[in-house]
Amino acid sequence: MDSITQAVLGAALQGTLLGRIQGRRSLLYGAALGTLPDLDVIIRYADPVSQMTYHRGFSHSLFVLTGLALLLAWLVNKCWPGKGYTLPRLFLAFWLVLVTHPLLDAFTVYGTQLFWPLQPIPQSWAAVFIIDPVYTLPLLAAVIYASFKGVTGRATRLLTLSLVFSTAYLGFGLAGRMAAEQRFQAALDQQGIVVSEVRAVPIAFNSLVWRVMAKTQDGDYYEGISSSFDQQAPEMQRLPRNLELAKALAGDPLHQRLRWFTGDWLRYDQIGNALVVTDLRMGIPGNYTFRFNMAHRDNQGNWIADVPSVWEGAGPGSMFNSHDLALIWRRIVDQQPPLPLEAWTDRYLGAGAVERGR
C-alpha cells in the first residue's frame, strides 16, 4: 500500500495500545515505525527486475520484524523503566505496528515475501488496490482527531473503530475477489473453455470492479472485467502470451526470478528487435505497470539476453488516464456499454494484438 496508508495504520495501532502512556507522541512514533519496512527502497539494484523482485523482501519478513519488535521492546523497557511500560505490552504494540505493514502489502497484488528467507511465491492476495480511499480515509480521520483531541477516551474508541472497519474492509475485498473469479470461471465454463488458472485483481481505487485473467492450456490467456453488481457474463478477450519467445531467455536467472515473483503471469512480445516481458498482474487491459526489455536479436537473428531495462514504449499516458478511469468507475454499476478492451489493448500493445490471440 501507499506510504500514507502505512503511516496512519501504524499511528492508529500504536495510539490505541500505547496512547495512554505516550499521548500524542504515540501517533508519531507509530507512523514512523509503520513505514520502517519500506526503507528497503533506498537499496539500489543493478537492473529494474532486481529492483522490483527484491523489494518487499527481507524488510517485510515476519521473522525479521518479530525479532526487531522484541529488540525494540527490550530497549524501550530498559531505557525508560519508570514510564509505566510492561515488556509484553511494548512487544505487542511494536509487533503489530511492524507486521501489519507487510500483511497489508500482501493484500495487494504486487507480491510480499512474508516468509523470507524461505522462498515460496510471494504472497499476493489482491484484495485491495494499492491506493484505496475507503480503507485509508477512516484511519486518517481517526488519527487526525486523536492528534487534536489527545489519545484518550473518545479518540481511542475512534482509533479502535477505524481499525476494526479497515480490517473488515480487507475481508470484503477478499470475498469480492473470489466472487469475481467464480463469475469469470462460470462464464468460461458456459462457453466450454478450459483454463488452468484464474486470477482477479482490483482496478483503480476500489474493490468493486475487477480485472480477471485466466490461463489456457495452450499458452494463451483470457482477460476480462467483472463487477460485484454484474447480472450478465463479463466481457472478455483472448490474447497470446507468446510463450515460444520465452525460450530465448532459457537459463537467464533474472527471467527465472521474475517468473517466480509473479507466479508466471508473464507475456512475451517481440517489438522490433527487442524481447519485451510484461507482468500481467498490474494495470488495465493492455496497459501494464511493469514491462521489461530483456533481450535483442543480433544480425544473424539470434536472441541475446540483455541486462533488463524498463521498456519505454509501453504506450501513451499512465494507467491513471482520467478518461479510462471514468469508464471503469461507470462500469462498477453498469455493464452496458462494455469496456473497450480490444481498443485499449491495441492502443498500448499495438494494433492486431487482440486478433493474434484469437
Protein backbone atom coordinates (compact mmCIF):
# COMPACT_ATOMS: atom_id res chain seq x y z
CA MET A 1 0.00 0.00 0.00
CA ASP A 2 1.00 3.65 -0.24
CA SER A 3 3.15 5.26 2.46
CA ILE A 4 0.35 7.44 3.85
CA THR A 5 -1.82 4.39 4.49
CA GLN A 6 1.01 2.51 6.17
CA ALA A 7 1.78 5.55 8.36
CA VAL A 8 -1.80 6.07 9.56
CA LEU A 9 -2.23 2.34 10.18
CA GLY A 10 0.88 2.34 12.37
CA ALA A 11 -0.25 5.52 14.13
CA ALA A 12 -3.71 4.10 14.84
CA LEU A 13 -2.29 0.86 16.25
CA GLN A 14 0.30 2.46 18.50
CA GLY A 15 -2.13 5.15 19.60
CA THR A 16 -4.64 2.51 20.62
CA LEU A 17 -2.14 0.36 22.50
CA LEU A 18 0.27 2.92 23.97
CA GLY A 19 -1.59 6.22 23.76
CA ARG A 20 -2.41 6.18 27.50
CA ILE A 21 1.33 6.35 28.26
CA GLN A 22 2.80 8.15 25.24
CA GLY A 23 -0.09 10.50 24.45
CA ARG A 24 0.04 12.23 21.04
CA ARG A 25 3.64 11.10 20.59
CA SER A 26 2.34 7.54 20.13
CA LEU A 27 0.79 8.62 16.83
CA LEU A 28 4.09 10.00 15.58
CA TYR A 29 6.08 7.00 16.79
CA GLY A 30 3.60 4.57 15.27
CA ALA A 31 3.60 6.39 11.92
CA ALA A 32 7.40 6.25 11.77
CA LEU A 33 7.58 2.61 12.82
CA GLY A 34 4.78 1.65 10.45
CA THR A 35 6.71 2.92 7.43
CA LEU A 36 10.06 1.45 8.53
CA PRO A 37 9.85 -1.74 6.38
CA ASP A 38 9.74 0.35 3.20
CA LEU A 39 13.22 1.73 3.83
CA ASP A 40 14.42 -1.11 1.60
CA VAL A 41 13.60 1.19 -1.33
CA ILE A 42 16.84 3.07 -0.67
CA ILE A 43 18.78 -0.02 -1.77
CA ARG A 44 19.63 0.37 -5.43
CA TYR A 45 19.99 -2.71 -7.61
CA ALA A 46 21.68 -3.05 -10.97
CA ASP A 47 18.50 -3.56 -13.01
CA PRO A 48 14.74 -2.95 -12.71
CA VAL A 49 13.83 -6.65 -12.45
CA SER A 50 16.01 -6.99 -9.35
CA GLN A 51 14.66 -3.69 -8.03
CA MET A 52 11.12 -5.00 -8.39
CA THR A 53 11.64 -8.52 -7.07
CA TYR A 54 13.88 -7.75 -4.10
CA HIS A 55 11.54 -5.03 -2.81
CA ARG A 56 9.26 -6.30 -0.04
CA GLY A 57 11.85 -8.92 0.77
CA PHE A 58 13.92 -9.17 3.99
CA SER A 59 12.48 -5.92 5.41
CA HIS A 60 8.96 -7.36 5.08
CA SER A 61 9.75 -10.75 6.62
CA LEU A 62 7.54 -11.70 9.57
CA PHE A 63 10.56 -13.42 11.09
CA VAL A 64 12.80 -10.33 10.83
CA LEU A 65 10.13 -7.93 12.07
CA THR A 66 9.22 -10.14 15.03
CA GLY A 67 12.87 -10.10 16.11
CA LEU A 68 13.03 -6.33 15.61
CA ALA A 69 9.88 -5.81 17.71
CA LEU A 70 11.34 -7.87 20.53
CA LEU A 71 14.59 -5.89 20.42
CA LEU A 72 12.79 -2.51 20.41
CA ALA A 73 10.53 -3.56 23.28
CA TRP A 74 13.54 -4.65 25.37
CA LEU A 75 15.43 -1.41 24.63
CA VAL A 76 12.49 0.89 25.47
CA ASN A 77 11.69 -1.02 28.65
CA LYS A 78 15.35 -0.90 29.71
CA CYS A 79 15.95 2.77 28.85
CA TRP A 80 12.68 4.14 30.29
CA PRO A 81 11.83 1.81 33.19
CA GLY A 82 9.71 4.34 35.06
CA LYS A 83 7.26 5.21 32.28
CA GLY A 84 4.71 2.56 33.13
CA TYR A 85 5.53 0.22 30.27
CA THR A 86 5.41 -3.54 30.52
CA LEU A 87 7.56 -5.66 28.24
CA PRO A 88 4.65 -7.77 26.90
CA ARG A 89 2.57 -4.69 26.05
CA LEU A 90 5.52 -2.96 24.37
CA PHE A 91 6.27 -6.06 22.33
CA LEU A 92 2.62 -6.47 21.29
CA ALA A 93 2.40 -2.82 20.19
CA PHE A 94 5.65 -2.78 18.25
CA TRP A 95 5.00 -6.20 16.74
CA LEU A 96 1.54 -5.23 15.48
CA VAL A 97 2.75 -1.94 14.06
CA LEU A 98 5.60 -3.65 12.22
CA VAL A 99 3.97 -6.86 10.95
CA THR A 100 0.74 -5.21 9.80
CA HIS A 101 2.82 -3.31 7.24
CA PRO A 102 3.82 -6.40 5.20
CA LEU A 103 0.48 -8.09 5.89
CA LEU A 104 -1.33 -5.10 4.40
CA ASP A 105 1.08 -5.13 1.45
CA ALA A 106 0.24 -8.81 0.94
CA PHE A 107 -3.41 -7.82 0.44
CA THR A 108 -2.33 -6.03 -2.76
CA VAL A 109 -1.28 -7.75 -5.98
CA TYR A 110 2.42 -6.75 -6.03
CA GLY A 111 3.87 -9.64 -4.02
CA THR A 112 5.30 -9.64 -0.47
CA GLN A 113 7.93 -12.08 0.83
CA LEU A 114 6.38 -12.62 4.24
CA PHE A 115 8.42 -15.74 4.96
CA TRP A 116 11.88 -14.57 3.84
CA PRO A 117 14.48 -16.17 3.89
CA LEU A 118 12.21 -19.03 2.81
CA GLN A 119 11.29 -18.78 -0.84
CA PRO A 120 7.62 -19.59 -1.51
CA ILE A 121 5.95 -17.50 -4.21
CA PRO A 122 5.49 -14.01 -2.68
CA GLN A 123 2.10 -13.51 -1.06
CA SER A 124 -0.24 -11.60 -3.38
CA TRP A 125 -3.81 -11.80 -2.10
CA ALA A 126 -5.12 -9.00 -4.38
CA ALA A 127 -7.97 -7.87 -2.13
CA VAL A 128 -7.40 -4.11 -2.44
CA PHE A 129 -5.84 -1.72 -4.92
CA ILE A 130 -2.52 -0.14 -3.93
CA ILE A 131 -4.40 3.09 -3.15
CA ASP A 132 -7.90 2.68 -1.73
CA PRO A 133 -9.59 5.70 -0.08
CA VAL A 134 -12.24 3.52 1.57
CA TYR A 135 -9.51 1.77 3.54
CA THR A 136 -7.34 4.81 4.26
CA LEU A 137 -9.70 7.72 4.99
CA PRO A 138 -11.35 6.34 8.18
CA LEU A 139 -7.90 5.64 9.66
CA LEU A 140 -6.65 9.07 8.62
CA ALA A 141 -9.70 10.81 10.10
CA ALA A 142 -9.31 8.97 13.43
CA VAL A 143 -5.60 9.78 13.64
CA ILE A 144 -6.20 13.47 12.86
CA TYR A 145 -8.93 13.62 15.51
CA ALA A 146 -6.65 11.99 18.09
CA SER A 147 -3.79 14.34 17.24
CA PHE A 148 -6.01 17.34 18.05
CA LYS A 149 -8.02 15.96 20.97
CA GLY A 150 -5.38 13.77 22.57
CA VAL A 151 -5.26 9.98 22.71
CA THR A 152 -7.84 9.41 25.41
CA GLY A 153 -11.50 8.40 25.72
CA ARG A 154 -13.39 9.08 22.51
CA ALA A 155 -10.22 9.36 20.40
CA THR A 156 -9.09 5.89 21.47
CA ARG A 157 -12.51 4.46 20.65
CA LEU A 158 -12.42 6.11 17.21
CA LEU A 159 -8.97 4.67 16.55
CA THR A 160 -10.22 1.23 17.54
CA LEU A 161 -13.32 1.51 15.36
CA SER A 162 -11.27 2.64 12.37
CA LEU A 163 -9.01 -0.39 12.80
CA VAL A 164 -11.99 -2.74 13.00
CA PHE A 165 -13.53 -1.17 9.89
CA SER A 166 -10.29 -1.31 7.88
CA THR A 167 -9.78 -4.97 8.79
CA ALA A 168 -13.35 -5.83 7.82
CA TYR A 169 -12.83 -4.00 4.51
CA LEU A 170 -9.91 -6.28 3.69
CA GLY A 171 -12.22 -9.25 4.26
CA PHE A 172 -14.78 -7.62 1.96
CA GLY A 173 -12.10 -7.28 -0.72
CA LEU A 174 -11.09 -10.93 -0.45
CA ALA A 175 -14.71 -12.00 -0.79
CA GLY A 176 -15.13 -9.72 -3.82
CA ARG A 177 -12.05 -11.14 -5.50
CA MET A 178 -13.21 -14.74 -5.02
CA ALA A 179 -16.68 -13.87 -6.31
CA ALA A 180 -15.19 -12.22 -9.42
CA GLU A 181 -13.09 -15.31 -10.11
CA GLN A 182 -16.15 -17.53 -9.73
CA ARG A 183 -18.20 -15.37 -12.14
CA PHE A 184 -15.40 -15.47 -14.71
CA GLN A 185 -14.91 -19.22 -14.33
CA ALA A 186 -18.65 -19.76 -14.78
CA ALA A 187 -18.63 -17.67 -17.98
CA LEU A 188 -15.70 -19.69 -19.34
CA ASP A 189 -17.37 -22.98 -18.42
CA GLN A 190 -20.54 -21.90 -20.20
CA GLN A 191 -18.51 -21.43 -23.39
CA GLY A 192 -16.70 -24.74 -22.93
CA ILE A 193 -13.35 -23.01 -22.41
CA VAL A 194 -10.87 -24.99 -20.29
CA VAL A 195 -8.38 -22.97 -18.26
CA SER A 196 -5.67 -23.90 -15.80
CA GLU A 197 -5.74 -20.86 -13.51
CA VAL A 198 -7.98 -17.85 -12.86
CA ARG A 199 -6.79 -14.66 -11.16
CA ALA A 200 -8.75 -11.50 -10.29
CA VAL A 201 -7.17 -8.17 -9.29
CA PRO A 202 -8.89 -4.92 -8.26
CA ILE A 203 -8.84 -1.91 -10.55
CA ALA A 204 -8.14 1.69 -9.61
CA PHE A 205 -9.07 2.79 -6.10
CA ASN A 206 -11.91 0.36 -5.33
CA SER A 207 -12.79 -3.27 -4.59
CA LEU A 208 -15.96 -3.44 -6.68
CA VAL A 209 -14.73 -3.82 -10.26
CA TRP A 210 -12.13 -6.44 -11.07
CA ARG A 211 -9.80 -7.31 -13.93
CA VAL A 212 -9.84 -11.09 -14.27
CA MET A 213 -7.34 -13.26 -16.16
CA ALA A 214 -7.34 -16.95 -16.97
CA LYS A 215 -4.53 -19.06 -18.45
CA THR A 216 -5.47 -21.53 -21.16
CA GLN A 217 -3.78 -24.88 -21.55
CA ASP A 218 -2.38 -23.94 -24.97
CA GLY A 219 -0.46 -20.91 -23.68
CA ASP A 220 -2.93 -18.06 -24.29
CA TYR A 221 -4.91 -16.16 -21.70
CA TYR A 222 -8.31 -14.55 -21.33
CA GLU A 223 -8.66 -11.11 -19.84
CA GLY A 224 -11.95 -9.55 -18.81
CA ILE A 225 -13.83 -7.27 -16.44
CA SER A 226 -16.27 -8.28 -13.72
CA SER A 227 -18.15 -6.08 -11.24
CA SER A 228 -19.80 -7.06 -7.99
CA PHE A 229 -23.11 -5.78 -9.46
CA ASP A 230 -22.97 -7.72 -12.74
CA GLN A 231 -26.12 -9.51 -13.86
CA GLN A 232 -24.65 -10.79 -17.13
CA ALA A 233 -21.48 -12.58 -18.17
CA PRO A 234 -18.32 -10.43 -18.05
CA GLU A 235 -16.80 -9.05 -21.24
CA MET A 236 -13.54 -10.74 -22.14
CA GLN A 237 -10.92 -11.16 -24.85
CA ARG A 238 -8.43 -13.89 -25.71
CA LEU A 239 -4.79 -12.88 -26.00
CA PRO A 240 -1.47 -14.63 -26.62
CA ARG A 241 1.27 -14.98 -24.03
CA ASN A 242 3.69 -15.85 -26.87
CA LEU A 243 5.41 -18.47 -24.74
CA GLU A 244 7.61 -19.58 -27.63
CA LEU A 245 9.57 -16.35 -27.17
CA ALA A 246 10.34 -17.31 -23.56
CA LYS A 247 12.77 -19.93 -24.93
CA ALA A 248 15.14 -17.07 -25.76
CA LEU A 249 15.52 -16.47 -22.01
CA ALA A 250 16.04 -20.10 -21.00
CA GLY A 251 18.58 -20.23 -18.21
CA ASP A 252 18.51 -16.48 -17.57
CA PRO A 253 18.42 -16.14 -13.75
CA LEU A 254 16.60 -12.80 -13.77
CA HIS A 255 13.89 -14.25 -16.03
CA GLN A 256 13.52 -17.19 -13.66
CA ARG A 257 13.28 -14.82 -10.71
CA LEU A 258 10.61 -12.76 -12.50
CA ARG A 259 8.60 -15.92 -13.22
CA TRP A 260 8.84 -16.90 -9.55
CA PHE A 261 7.91 -13.46 -8.25
CA THR A 262 4.83 -13.08 -10.50
CA GLY A 263 3.61 -16.65 -10.28
CA ASP A 264 4.45 -16.86 -14.03
CA TRP A 265 1.79 -14.32 -15.03
CA LEU A 266 4.03 -13.12 -17.87
CA ARG A 267 3.52 -12.19 -21.51
CA TYR A 268 6.26 -12.02 -24.15
CA ASP A 269 6.30 -9.71 -27.18
CA GLN A 270 8.80 -9.13 -29.96
CA ILE A 271 8.78 -5.40 -30.64
CA GLY A 272 11.24 -4.57 -33.38
CA ASN A 273 14.40 -6.41 -32.37
CA ALA A 274 13.53 -6.30 -28.65
CA LEU A 275 12.03 -9.03 -26.49
CA VAL A 276 9.68 -7.35 -24.03
CA VAL A 277 8.43 -9.26 -20.98
CA THR A 278 5.26 -7.99 -19.29
CA ASP A 279 3.93 -8.63 -15.77
CA LEU A 280 0.22 -9.11 -16.49
CA ARG A 281 -0.94 -8.65 -12.90
CA MET A 282 -0.86 -4.85 -12.55
CA GLY A 283 -2.56 -2.27 -14.76
CA ILE A 284 -5.57 -2.15 -17.04
CA PRO A 285 -6.08 -4.30 -20.15
CA GLY A 286 -3.17 -3.64 -22.48
CA ASN A 287 -1.53 -1.04 -20.23
CA TYR A 288 0.59 -2.80 -17.62
CA THR A 289 2.75 -1.27 -14.92
CA PHE A 290 5.86 -3.45 -15.31
CA ARG A 291 7.34 -4.15 -18.78
CA PHE A 292 10.99 -5.04 -19.30
CA ASN A 293 13.26 -5.18 -22.32
CA MET A 294 15.18 -8.42 -21.65
CA ALA A 295 16.78 -9.49 -24.95
CA HIS A 296 17.52 -8.40 -28.53
CA ARG A 297 18.11 -10.09 -31.88
CA ASP A 298 21.59 -9.89 -33.37
CA ASN A 299 22.37 -9.59 -37.09
CA GLN A 300 22.04 -13.37 -37.52
CA GLY A 301 18.59 -13.37 -35.94
CA ASN A 302 19.69 -14.99 -32.68
CA TRP A 303 18.34 -13.80 -29.36
CA ILE A 304 20.89 -12.31 -26.96
CA ALA A 305 19.83 -11.80 -23.33
CA ASP A 306 20.41 -8.25 -22.06
CA VAL A 307 20.66 -6.62 -18.67
CA PRO A 308 16.94 -5.83 -18.23
CA SER A 309 15.74 -2.28 -18.69
CA VAL A 310 12.34 -0.65 -18.36
CA TRP A 311 10.51 -0.79 -21.69
CA GLU A 312 9.77 2.81 -22.59
CA GLY A 313 7.43 2.12 -25.48
CA ALA A 314 4.53 0.87 -23.37
CA GLY A 315 2.04 3.36 -24.83
CA PRO A 316 0.67 6.84 -24.21
CA GLY A 317 -0.04 8.03 -20.71
CA SER A 318 -0.28 6.19 -17.41
CA MET A 319 -2.77 3.64 -16.16
CA PHE A 320 -4.46 6.53 -14.34
CA ASN A 321 -5.77 8.08 -17.56
CA SER A 322 -8.79 10.12 -16.43
CA HIS A 323 -11.00 9.11 -19.35
CA ASP A 324 -10.27 5.41 -18.86
CA LEU A 325 -10.85 5.71 -15.11
CA ALA A 326 -14.22 7.35 -15.71
CA LEU A 327 -15.24 4.39 -17.88
CA ILE A 328 -14.01 1.94 -15.23
CA TRP A 329 -15.95 3.62 -12.41
CA ARG A 330 -19.11 3.71 -14.54
CA ARG A 331 -18.57 0.02 -15.20
CA ILE A 332 -19.00 -0.71 -11.47
CA VAL A 333 -22.77 -0.36 -11.75
CA ASP A 334 -23.48 -0.58 -15.49
CA GLN A 335 -22.39 -3.34 -17.89
CA GLN A 336 -23.57 -1.51 -20.99
CA PRO A 337 -21.73 -0.46 -22.97
CA PRO A 338 -18.91 -2.86 -22.08
CA LEU A 339 -15.42 -1.52 -21.57
CA PRO A 340 -13.43 -1.17 -24.83
CA LEU A 341 -10.96 -3.93 -24.01
CA GLU A 342 -9.81 -4.51 -27.59
CA ALA A 343 -9.29 -0.80 -28.24
CA TRP A 344 -7.26 -0.45 -25.03
CA THR A 345 -5.16 -3.48 -25.88
CA ASP A 346 -4.44 -2.22 -29.39
CA ARG A 347 -3.62 1.25 -28.03
CA TYR A 348 -0.97 0.00 -25.63
CA LEU A 349 0.24 -3.31 -27.06
CA GLY A 350 -0.08 -2.40 -30.73
CA ALA A 351 -2.64 -2.91 -33.49
CA GLY A 352 -3.52 -6.55 -34.04
CA ALA A 353 -2.62 -7.67 -30.50
CA VAL A 354 -6.12 -9.00 -29.88
CA GLU A 355 -6.55 -10.68 -33.26
CA ARG A 356 -3.30 -12.62 -32.84
CA GLY A 357 -4.77 -14.13 -29.70
CA ARG A 358 -7.88 -15.48 -31.33
